[in-house]
Amino acid sequence: MSVSPSVAAPTDSTPTRTTPTQADLLDFVRQTAADTELIASLPLDPEGRTWVRLEGPGGSEAWLIGWPPGTGTGWHDHAESVGAFLTASGELKENSLTARLPTDGWKTLELTEGIDQERRLPAGKGRAFGRNHVHEVLNESTEQHAISVHAYYPPLPRIRRYSRTGQVMRLEQVERPEDWQ
């Protein structure tokens, strides 16, 4: 029997479950960010990011993340996962690449000019992204925490972390789920 990659094979006792799309994940983060009680419940630390794992749609992985002033993720990707995130309070900035990087087999890469993109994401704004999306997310405020909601499907198999100097991107580390849970 052939099974479509976007639909789980049903059994007599299991209902059909559709794999969440980028749009489903974006809808989830919008709805979750609108839950003011949940957003207010996140403990905030002035020194570092805080996070709480959430139950995402269709078996996806989701997180509520607090960002103290001046913090960020550094350049990274989410491997084979698609995802979405939305700012629930404060403002975040996303720097991303409009070109897809090769996924394996390199340590240092020189980027082409003109592939950088910057987005400002105030409260209520977010975005979805595809597989192997390379970006960094920052809270550039000097005074205000930001809070965001993130969702990924499939659950994150790994995160590749990069350093960047000018147009040179270097793979620095590969993290697995056990490194951040």
N, C-alpha and C. Protein backbone atom coordinates (compact mmCIF):
# COMPACT_ATOMS: atom_id res chain seq x y z
N MET A 1 0.85 -1.18 0.00
CA MET A 1 0.00 0.00 0.00
C MET A 1 0.89 1.23 0.00
N SER A 2 0.60 2.18 -0.83
CA SER A 2 1.35 3.43 -0.90
C SER A 2 0.64 4.48 -0.06
N VAL A 3 1.41 5.23 0.75
CA VAL A 3 0.83 6.26 1.62
C VAL A 3 1.41 7.61 1.22
N SER A 4 0.54 8.58 1.06
CA SER A 4 0.97 9.94 0.76
C SER A 4 1.80 10.46 1.92
N PRO A 5 2.89 11.21 1.67
CA PRO A 5 3.71 11.71 2.76
C PRO A 5 3.00 12.73 3.64
N SER A 6 1.87 13.27 3.19
CA SER A 6 1.20 14.29 4.00
C SER A 6 0.05 13.74 4.83
N VAL A 7 -0.26 12.43 4.71
CA VAL A 7 -1.37 11.86 5.46
C VAL A 7 -0.92 10.57 6.11
N ALA A 8 -1.19 10.42 7.40
CA ALA A 8 -0.87 9.19 8.08
C ALA A 8 -1.84 8.10 7.63
N ALA A 9 -1.36 6.87 7.54
CA ALA A 9 -2.23 5.76 7.14
C ALA A 9 -3.21 5.46 8.26
N PRO A 10 -4.53 5.46 7.96
CA PRO A 10 -5.51 5.18 9.00
C PRO A 10 -5.57 3.70 9.33
N THR A 11 -5.94 3.40 10.55
CA THR A 11 -6.27 2.04 10.94
C THR A 11 -7.72 2.08 11.37
N ASP A 12 -8.29 0.91 11.66
CA ASP A 12 -9.70 0.87 12.06
C ASP A 12 -9.98 1.70 13.29
N SER A 13 -9.01 1.80 14.19
CA SER A 13 -9.23 2.54 15.44
C SER A 13 -8.59 3.92 15.46
N THR A 14 -7.85 4.28 14.41
CA THR A 14 -7.15 5.55 14.38
C THR A 14 -7.75 6.48 13.33
N PRO A 15 -8.18 7.69 13.72
CA PRO A 15 -8.69 8.61 12.72
C PRO A 15 -7.56 9.10 11.82
N THR A 16 -7.91 9.50 10.59
CA THR A 16 -6.93 10.06 9.67
C THR A 16 -6.40 11.38 10.24
N ARG A 17 -5.08 11.56 10.22
CA ARG A 17 -4.49 12.79 10.72
C ARG A 17 -3.64 13.38 9.61
N THR A 18 -3.89 14.63 9.32
CA THR A 18 -3.15 15.32 8.28
C THR A 18 -1.92 15.98 8.90
N THR A 19 -0.81 15.87 8.20
CA THR A 19 0.41 16.53 8.63
C THR A 19 0.20 18.03 8.60
N PRO A 20 0.58 18.76 9.66
CA PRO A 20 0.37 20.20 9.65
C PRO A 20 1.22 20.89 8.58
N THR A 21 0.62 21.84 7.89
CA THR A 21 1.31 22.64 6.88
C THR A 21 1.91 23.88 7.54
N GLN A 22 2.67 24.64 6.78
CA GLN A 22 3.18 25.92 7.28
C GLN A 22 2.02 26.82 7.68
N ALA A 23 0.94 26.82 6.89
CA ALA A 23 -0.23 27.64 7.22
C ALA A 23 -0.89 27.19 8.51
N ASP A 24 -0.96 25.86 8.73
CA ASP A 24 -1.52 25.35 9.99
C ASP A 24 -0.68 25.80 11.18
N LEU A 25 0.63 25.74 11.02
CA LEU A 25 1.53 26.14 12.11
C LEU A 25 1.41 27.64 12.38
N LEU A 26 1.30 28.44 11.33
CA LEU A 26 1.14 29.88 11.51
C LEU A 26 -0.19 30.19 12.20
N ASP A 27 -1.24 29.48 11.83
CA ASP A 27 -2.53 29.66 12.48
C ASP A 27 -2.43 29.29 13.97
N PHE A 28 -1.73 28.19 14.27
CA PHE A 28 -1.54 27.78 15.66
C PHE A 28 -0.80 28.85 16.47
N VAL A 29 0.30 29.38 15.93
CA VAL A 29 1.06 30.37 16.71
C VAL A 29 0.25 31.66 16.89
N ARG A 30 -0.57 32.03 15.89
CA ARG A 30 -1.45 33.20 16.04
C ARG A 30 -2.45 32.99 17.17
N GLN A 31 -3.11 31.83 17.16
CA GLN A 31 -4.11 31.55 18.20
C GLN A 31 -3.47 31.47 19.58
N THR A 32 -2.32 30.84 19.66
CA THR A 32 -1.64 30.69 20.94
C THR A 32 -1.17 32.05 21.46
N ALA A 33 -0.63 32.90 20.59
CA ALA A 33 -0.17 34.22 21.01
C ALA A 33 -1.31 35.10 21.50
N ALA A 34 -2.52 34.81 21.04
CA ALA A 34 -3.70 35.59 21.48
C ALA A 34 -4.18 35.17 22.87
N ASP A 35 -3.64 34.09 23.42
CA ASP A 35 -4.01 33.61 24.75
C ASP A 35 -3.22 34.44 25.79
N THR A 36 -3.77 35.56 26.19
CA THR A 36 -3.06 36.49 27.07
C THR A 36 -2.69 35.86 28.41
N GLU A 37 -3.52 34.95 28.89
CA GLU A 37 -3.21 34.29 30.17
C GLU A 37 -1.96 33.41 30.03
N LEU A 38 -1.88 32.66 28.94
CA LEU A 38 -0.70 31.83 28.69
C LEU A 38 0.55 32.69 28.53
N ILE A 39 0.45 33.75 27.75
CA ILE A 39 1.61 34.62 27.51
C ILE A 39 2.09 35.23 28.83
N ALA A 40 1.15 35.67 29.67
CA ALA A 40 1.51 36.27 30.97
C ALA A 40 2.10 35.24 31.94
N SER A 41 1.85 33.95 31.71
CA SER A 41 2.33 32.93 32.64
C SER A 41 3.80 32.57 32.43
N LEU A 42 4.40 32.99 31.32
CA LEU A 42 5.80 32.64 31.05
C LEU A 42 6.72 33.36 32.03
N PRO A 43 7.53 32.63 32.79
CA PRO A 43 8.49 33.30 33.66
C PRO A 43 9.58 33.97 32.81
N LEU A 44 9.86 35.22 33.12
CA LEU A 44 10.87 35.96 32.36
C LEU A 44 12.12 36.14 33.22
N ASP A 45 13.27 35.97 32.61
CA ASP A 45 14.56 36.08 33.28
C ASP A 45 15.30 37.25 32.64
N PRO A 46 15.80 38.20 33.43
CA PRO A 46 16.50 39.34 32.84
C PRO A 46 17.84 38.96 32.21
N GLU A 47 18.35 37.78 32.51
CA GLU A 47 19.68 37.39 32.03
C GLU A 47 19.67 36.51 30.78
N GLY A 48 18.63 35.72 30.58
CA GLY A 48 18.65 34.80 29.46
C GLY A 48 17.25 34.43 29.01
N ARG A 49 17.19 33.80 27.84
CA ARG A 49 15.90 33.39 27.31
C ARG A 49 15.28 32.31 28.19
N THR A 50 13.96 32.32 28.25
CA THR A 50 13.21 31.28 28.96
C THR A 50 12.26 30.65 27.96
N TRP A 51 11.84 29.41 28.22
CA TRP A 51 10.94 28.75 27.30
C TRP A 51 10.14 27.68 28.01
N VAL A 52 8.98 27.43 27.42
CA VAL A 52 8.08 26.38 27.87
C VAL A 52 7.64 25.62 26.63
N ARG A 53 7.71 24.30 26.69
CA ARG A 53 7.26 23.50 25.55
C ARG A 53 5.74 23.41 25.57
N LEU A 54 5.13 23.52 24.38
CA LEU A 54 3.69 23.46 24.22
C LEU A 54 3.31 22.26 23.35
N GLU A 55 2.07 21.88 23.40
CA GLU A 55 1.54 20.84 22.52
C GLU A 55 1.12 21.49 21.21
N GLY A 56 1.80 21.17 20.13
CA GLY A 56 1.47 21.76 18.84
C GLY A 56 0.47 20.92 18.07
N PRO A 57 -0.05 21.43 16.98
CA PRO A 57 -1.04 20.70 16.19
C PRO A 57 -0.43 19.52 15.44
N GLY A 58 -1.18 18.43 15.34
CA GLY A 58 -0.78 17.30 14.51
C GLY A 58 0.56 16.69 14.84
N GLY A 59 0.95 16.71 16.11
CA GLY A 59 2.23 16.13 16.49
C GLY A 59 3.41 17.06 16.30
N SER A 60 3.16 18.33 16.06
CA SER A 60 4.26 19.29 15.89
C SER A 60 4.85 19.66 17.25
N GLU A 61 6.02 20.23 17.21
CA GLU A 61 6.71 20.71 18.40
C GLU A 61 6.47 22.21 18.50
N ALA A 62 6.13 22.70 19.68
CA ALA A 62 5.85 24.13 19.84
C ALA A 62 6.50 24.64 21.11
N TRP A 63 6.83 25.93 21.10
CA TRP A 63 7.51 26.57 22.22
C TRP A 63 6.99 27.98 22.44
N LEU A 64 6.90 28.36 23.69
CA LEU A 64 6.65 29.74 24.11
C LEU A 64 8.00 30.23 24.62
N ILE A 65 8.52 31.32 24.05
CA ILE A 65 9.89 31.77 24.36
C ILE A 65 9.89 33.22 24.83
N GLY A 66 10.60 33.48 25.92
CA GLY A 66 10.80 34.83 26.43
C GLY A 66 12.20 35.32 26.07
N TRP A 67 12.28 36.54 25.59
CA TRP A 67 13.53 37.13 25.10
C TRP A 67 13.87 38.37 25.91
N PRO A 68 14.85 38.34 26.80
CA PRO A 68 15.25 39.58 27.48
C PRO A 68 15.82 40.58 26.48
N PRO A 69 15.86 41.84 26.86
CA PRO A 69 16.45 42.85 25.97
C PRO A 69 17.86 42.45 25.53
N GLY A 70 18.13 42.63 24.26
CA GLY A 70 19.46 42.41 23.73
C GLY A 70 19.83 40.95 23.45
N THR A 71 18.88 40.04 23.49
CA THR A 71 19.21 38.63 23.25
C THR A 71 18.83 38.20 21.84
N GLY A 72 19.42 37.09 21.42
CA GLY A 72 19.12 36.54 20.10
C GLY A 72 19.55 35.10 20.00
N THR A 73 19.24 34.51 18.87
CA THR A 73 19.53 33.09 18.66
C THR A 73 20.88 32.82 18.02
N GLY A 74 21.42 33.78 17.30
CA GLY A 74 22.53 33.49 16.41
C GLY A 74 21.98 32.82 15.16
N TRP A 75 22.80 32.72 14.13
CA TRP A 75 22.38 32.11 12.86
C TRP A 75 22.19 30.61 13.05
N HIS A 76 21.07 30.09 12.54
CA HIS A 76 20.76 28.67 12.68
C HIS A 76 19.70 28.26 11.65
N ASP A 77 19.48 26.96 11.53
CA ASP A 77 18.37 26.44 10.75
C ASP A 77 17.64 25.39 11.58
N HIS A 78 16.55 24.86 11.04
CA HIS A 78 15.75 23.86 11.73
C HIS A 78 15.73 22.55 10.94
N ALA A 79 16.79 22.32 10.18
CA ALA A 79 16.96 21.11 9.39
C ALA A 79 15.74 20.87 8.50
N GLU A 80 15.19 19.67 8.56
CA GLU A 80 14.11 19.27 7.65
C GLU A 80 12.73 19.74 8.09
N SER A 81 12.63 20.46 9.17
CA SER A 81 11.33 20.90 9.68
C SER A 81 10.86 22.18 9.00
N VAL A 82 9.54 22.29 8.78
CA VAL A 82 8.93 23.55 8.42
C VAL A 82 8.49 24.20 9.72
N GLY A 83 8.25 25.50 9.71
CA GLY A 83 7.89 26.14 10.96
C GLY A 83 7.18 27.46 10.79
N ALA A 84 6.83 28.01 11.94
CA ALA A 84 6.21 29.33 11.99
C ALA A 84 6.50 29.92 13.36
N PHE A 85 6.59 31.23 13.42
CA PHE A 85 6.69 31.90 14.71
C PHE A 85 6.02 33.25 14.64
N LEU A 86 5.61 33.74 15.80
CA LEU A 86 4.88 34.99 15.88
C LEU A 86 5.24 35.68 17.18
N THR A 87 5.41 36.99 17.14
CA THR A 87 5.69 37.76 18.34
C THR A 87 4.39 38.02 19.08
N ALA A 88 4.34 37.61 20.34
CA ALA A 88 3.15 37.81 21.17
C ALA A 88 3.20 39.14 21.91
N SER A 89 4.40 39.55 22.31
CA SER A 89 4.57 40.86 22.96
C SER A 89 5.98 41.36 22.67
N GLY A 90 6.15 42.68 22.70
CA GLY A 90 7.44 43.27 22.36
C GLY A 90 7.62 43.27 20.85
N GLU A 91 8.88 43.26 20.41
CA GLU A 91 9.20 43.22 18.98
C GLU A 91 10.44 42.39 18.78
N LEU A 92 10.42 41.56 17.75
CA LEU A 92 11.59 40.79 17.34
C LEU A 92 12.01 41.20 15.94
N LYS A 93 13.26 40.96 15.64
CA LYS A 93 13.79 41.18 14.29
C LYS A 93 14.31 39.84 13.80
N GLU A 94 14.00 39.53 12.54
CA GLU A 94 14.53 38.33 11.93
C GLU A 94 15.41 38.72 10.76
N ASN A 95 16.65 38.24 10.76
CA ASN A 95 17.54 38.31 9.61
C ASN A 95 17.54 36.92 8.99
N SER A 96 17.34 36.85 7.70
CA SER A 96 17.30 35.54 7.04
C SER A 96 17.98 35.62 5.68
N LEU A 97 18.18 34.45 5.10
CA LEU A 97 18.76 34.34 3.77
C LEU A 97 17.65 33.98 2.78
N THR A 98 17.63 34.62 1.63
CA THR A 98 16.63 34.31 0.62
C THR A 98 17.06 33.14 -0.25
N ALA A 99 18.29 32.69 -0.12
CA ALA A 99 18.79 31.55 -0.88
C ALA A 99 18.90 30.35 0.06
N ARG A 100 18.71 29.18 -0.49
CA ARG A 100 18.82 27.95 0.29
C ARG A 100 20.27 27.49 0.29
N LEU A 101 20.79 27.20 1.49
CA LEU A 101 22.16 26.69 1.60
C LEU A 101 22.16 25.18 1.38
N PRO A 102 23.28 24.64 0.92
CA PRO A 102 23.38 23.18 0.86
C PRO A 102 23.24 22.64 2.29
N THR A 103 22.60 21.50 2.45
CA THR A 103 22.33 21.00 3.80
C THR A 103 23.51 20.28 4.44
N ASP A 104 24.35 19.66 3.66
CA ASP A 104 25.47 18.89 4.22
C ASP A 104 26.70 19.03 3.34
N GLY A 105 27.84 18.61 3.88
CA GLY A 105 29.05 18.53 3.08
C GLY A 105 29.87 19.80 3.01
N TRP A 106 29.60 20.76 3.87
CA TRP A 106 30.40 21.98 3.86
C TRP A 106 30.63 22.46 5.29
N LYS A 107 31.71 23.18 5.47
CA LYS A 107 32.04 23.78 6.77
C LYS A 107 32.06 25.30 6.65
N THR A 108 32.51 25.81 5.51
CA THR A 108 32.56 27.25 5.27
C THR A 108 31.99 27.53 3.88
N LEU A 109 31.19 28.59 3.80
CA LEU A 109 30.52 28.92 2.55
C LEU A 109 30.56 30.42 2.36
N GLU A 110 30.87 30.87 1.15
CA GLU A 110 30.81 32.30 0.86
C GLU A 110 29.46 32.59 0.22
N LEU A 111 28.71 33.49 0.86
CA LEU A 111 27.37 33.83 0.41
C LEU A 111 27.41 34.86 -0.71
N THR A 112 26.45 34.77 -1.59
CA THR A 112 26.29 35.72 -2.68
C THR A 112 25.73 37.02 -2.12
N GLU A 113 26.14 38.13 -2.67
CA GLU A 113 25.59 39.43 -2.28
C GLU A 113 24.10 39.47 -2.58
N GLY A 114 23.35 40.20 -1.77
CA GLY A 114 21.95 40.44 -2.04
C GLY A 114 20.98 39.36 -1.59
N ILE A 115 21.44 38.40 -0.79
CA ILE A 115 20.52 37.35 -0.34
C ILE A 115 20.00 37.57 1.08
N ASP A 116 20.39 38.69 1.68
CA ASP A 116 19.95 38.97 3.04
C ASP A 116 18.58 39.63 3.05
N GLN A 117 17.78 39.24 4.04
CA GLN A 117 16.47 39.83 4.22
C GLN A 117 16.29 40.14 5.70
N GLU A 118 15.66 41.26 6.00
CA GLU A 118 15.39 41.68 7.38
C GLU A 118 13.90 41.91 7.54
N ARG A 119 13.35 41.39 8.64
CA ARG A 119 11.93 41.62 8.95
C ARG A 119 11.82 42.11 10.38
N ARG A 120 10.99 43.10 10.58
CA ARG A 120 10.61 43.55 11.92
C ARG A 120 9.29 42.89 12.25
N LEU A 121 9.20 42.28 13.40
CA LEU A 121 8.00 41.56 13.79
C LEU A 121 7.49 42.07 15.14
N PRO A 122 6.68 43.14 15.11
CA PRO A 122 6.08 43.63 16.36
C PRO A 122 5.00 42.65 16.82
N ALA A 123 4.45 42.88 18.00
CA ALA A 123 3.40 42.01 18.55
C ALA A 123 2.30 41.78 17.51
N GLY A 124 1.92 40.52 17.35
CA GLY A 124 0.86 40.16 16.41
C GLY A 124 1.36 39.81 15.02
N LYS A 125 2.66 40.00 14.75
CA LYS A 125 3.22 39.70 13.43
C LYS A 125 4.11 38.47 13.53
N GLY A 126 4.06 37.66 12.49
CA GLY A 126 4.88 36.46 12.45
C GLY A 126 5.06 36.00 11.03
N ARG A 127 5.57 34.79 10.89
CA ARG A 127 5.80 34.25 9.56
C ARG A 127 5.98 32.75 9.61
N ALA A 128 5.74 32.12 8.49
CA ALA A 128 6.01 30.70 8.32
C ALA A 128 7.26 30.57 7.45
N PHE A 129 7.91 29.42 7.53
CA PHE A 129 9.10 29.18 6.71
C PHE A 129 9.22 27.70 6.38
N GLY A 130 9.99 27.44 5.33
CA GLY A 130 10.16 26.08 4.84
C GLY A 130 11.38 25.38 5.42
N ARG A 131 11.63 24.20 4.92
CA ARG A 131 12.76 23.39 5.37
C ARG A 131 14.09 24.10 5.12
N ASN A 132 15.03 23.86 6.01
CA ASN A 132 16.40 24.38 5.90
C ASN A 132 16.47 25.90 5.82
N HIS A 133 15.50 26.57 6.40
CA HIS A 133 15.48 28.04 6.45
C HIS A 133 16.56 28.51 7.43
N VAL A 134 17.47 29.35 6.96
CA VAL A 134 18.56 29.85 7.79
C VAL A 134 18.22 31.28 8.22
N HIS A 135 18.27 31.50 9.55
CA HIS A 135 17.95 32.83 10.07
C HIS A 135 18.53 33.04 11.45
N GLU A 136 18.40 34.27 11.92
CA GLU A 136 18.66 34.59 13.32
C GLU A 136 17.51 35.48 13.77
N VAL A 137 17.14 35.35 15.05
CA VAL A 137 16.05 36.13 15.62
C VAL A 137 16.62 36.91 16.80
N LEU A 138 16.27 38.19 16.87
CA LEU A 138 16.85 39.09 17.87
C LEU A 138 15.78 39.94 18.55
N ASN A 139 15.99 40.20 19.83
CA ASN A 139 15.24 41.25 20.53
C ASN A 139 16.22 42.41 20.69
N GLU A 140 16.09 43.40 19.84
CA GLU A 140 17.03 44.52 19.86
C GLU A 140 16.67 45.61 20.88
N SER A 141 15.56 45.45 21.56
CA SER A 141 15.17 46.43 22.57
C SER A 141 16.22 46.47 23.68
N THR A 142 16.44 47.63 24.23
CA THR A 142 17.35 47.75 25.37
C THR A 142 16.60 47.74 26.69
N GLU A 143 15.25 47.73 26.61
CA GLU A 143 14.46 47.83 27.84
C GLU A 143 13.35 46.80 27.98
N GLN A 144 12.81 46.28 26.89
CA GLN A 144 11.60 45.48 26.95
C GLN A 144 11.83 44.02 26.54
N HIS A 145 11.28 43.10 27.35
CA HIS A 145 11.24 41.69 26.96
C HIS A 145 10.33 41.54 25.74
N ALA A 146 10.59 40.51 24.97
CA ALA A 146 9.67 40.08 23.92
C ALA A 146 9.28 38.65 24.24
N ILE A 147 8.10 38.25 23.79
CA ILE A 147 7.64 36.88 23.94
C ILE A 147 7.13 36.42 22.59
N SER A 148 7.47 35.19 22.22
CA SER A 148 7.05 34.66 20.93
C SER A 148 6.60 33.21 21.07
N VAL A 149 5.84 32.77 20.06
CA VAL A 149 5.37 31.40 19.98
C VAL A 149 5.94 30.79 18.70
N HIS A 150 6.47 29.57 18.80
CA HIS A 150 7.11 28.88 17.67
C HIS A 150 6.52 27.50 17.53
N ALA A 151 6.40 26.99 16.29
CA ALA A 151 5.94 25.63 16.05
C ALA A 151 6.70 25.05 14.86
N TYR A 152 7.04 23.76 14.95
CA TYR A 152 7.83 23.07 13.93
C TYR A 152 7.26 21.69 13.65
N TYR A 153 7.28 21.31 12.37
CA TYR A 153 6.90 19.95 12.01
C TYR A 153 7.79 19.48 10.87
N PRO A 154 8.31 18.27 10.95
CA PRO A 154 8.23 17.39 12.10
C PRO A 154 8.99 17.98 13.28
N PRO A 155 8.76 17.42 14.50
CA PRO A 155 9.52 17.92 15.64
C PRO A 155 11.01 17.99 15.29
N LEU A 156 11.68 19.01 15.78
CA LEU A 156 13.05 19.31 15.37
C LEU A 156 14.00 18.11 15.51
N PRO A 157 14.55 17.63 14.39
CA PRO A 157 15.50 16.53 14.45
C PRO A 157 16.91 17.02 14.82
N ARG A 158 17.17 18.28 14.50
CA ARG A 158 18.48 18.90 14.81
C ARG A 158 18.38 20.37 14.45
N ILE A 159 19.33 21.12 15.00
CA ILE A 159 19.50 22.53 14.65
C ILE A 159 20.98 22.69 14.31
N ARG A 160 21.25 23.27 13.16
CA ARG A 160 22.63 23.59 12.80
C ARG A 160 22.86 25.05 13.14
N ARG A 161 23.95 25.32 13.86
CA ARG A 161 24.30 26.69 14.26
C ARG A 161 25.49 27.16 13.44
N TYR A 162 25.41 28.44 13.04
CA TYR A 162 26.41 29.03 12.16
C TYR A 162 26.98 30.31 12.77
N SER A 163 28.20 30.63 12.38
CA SER A 163 28.74 31.96 12.64
C SER A 163 28.81 32.65 11.29
N ARG A 164 28.80 33.97 11.34
CA ARG A 164 28.86 34.72 10.09
C ARG A 164 29.74 35.94 10.25
N THR A 165 30.65 36.10 9.30
CA THR A 165 31.49 37.29 9.20
C THR A 165 31.36 37.78 7.77
N GLY A 166 30.70 38.94 7.62
CA GLY A 166 30.46 39.45 6.27
C GLY A 166 29.65 38.45 5.47
N GLN A 167 30.18 38.02 4.32
CA GLN A 167 29.48 37.07 3.46
C GLN A 167 29.93 35.63 3.70
N VAL A 168 30.73 35.40 4.73
CA VAL A 168 31.22 34.04 5.01
C VAL A 168 30.42 33.42 6.15
N MET A 169 29.80 32.28 5.86
CA MET A 169 29.01 31.53 6.83
C MET A 169 29.79 30.27 7.16
N ARG A 170 29.91 29.98 8.45
CA ARG A 170 30.65 28.80 8.89
C ARG A 170 29.75 27.96 9.79
N LEU A 171 29.67 26.66 9.50
CA LEU A 171 28.95 25.72 10.35
C LEU A 171 29.77 25.51 11.62
N GLU A 172 29.17 25.80 12.77
CA GLU A 172 29.89 25.71 14.04
C GLU A 172 29.49 24.50 14.88
N GLN A 173 28.19 24.14 14.83
CA GLN A 173 27.72 23.12 15.75
C GLN A 173 26.42 22.52 15.23
N VAL A 174 26.21 21.26 15.51
CA VAL A 174 24.94 20.60 15.23
C VAL A 174 24.37 20.13 16.56
N GLU A 175 23.16 20.62 16.89
CA GLU A 175 22.50 20.24 18.14
C GLU A 175 21.40 19.24 17.84
N ARG A 176 21.18 18.36 18.76
CA ARG A 176 20.09 17.38 18.70
C ARG A 176 19.09 17.68 19.81
N PRO A 177 17.87 17.14 19.73
CA PRO A 177 16.85 17.45 20.75
C PRO A 177 17.31 17.29 22.20
N GLU A 178 18.11 16.29 22.47
CA GLU A 178 18.56 16.10 23.85
C GLU A 178 19.43 17.26 24.36
N ASP A 179 19.95 18.08 23.46
CA ASP A 179 20.77 19.22 23.86
C ASP A 179 19.95 20.39 24.40
N TRP A 180 18.64 20.48 24.08
CA TRP A 180 17.86 21.63 24.51
C TRP A 180 16.59 21.28 25.27
N GLN A 181 16.32 20.00 25.50
CA GLN A 181 15.09 19.65 26.21
C GLN A 181 15.35 19.33 27.66
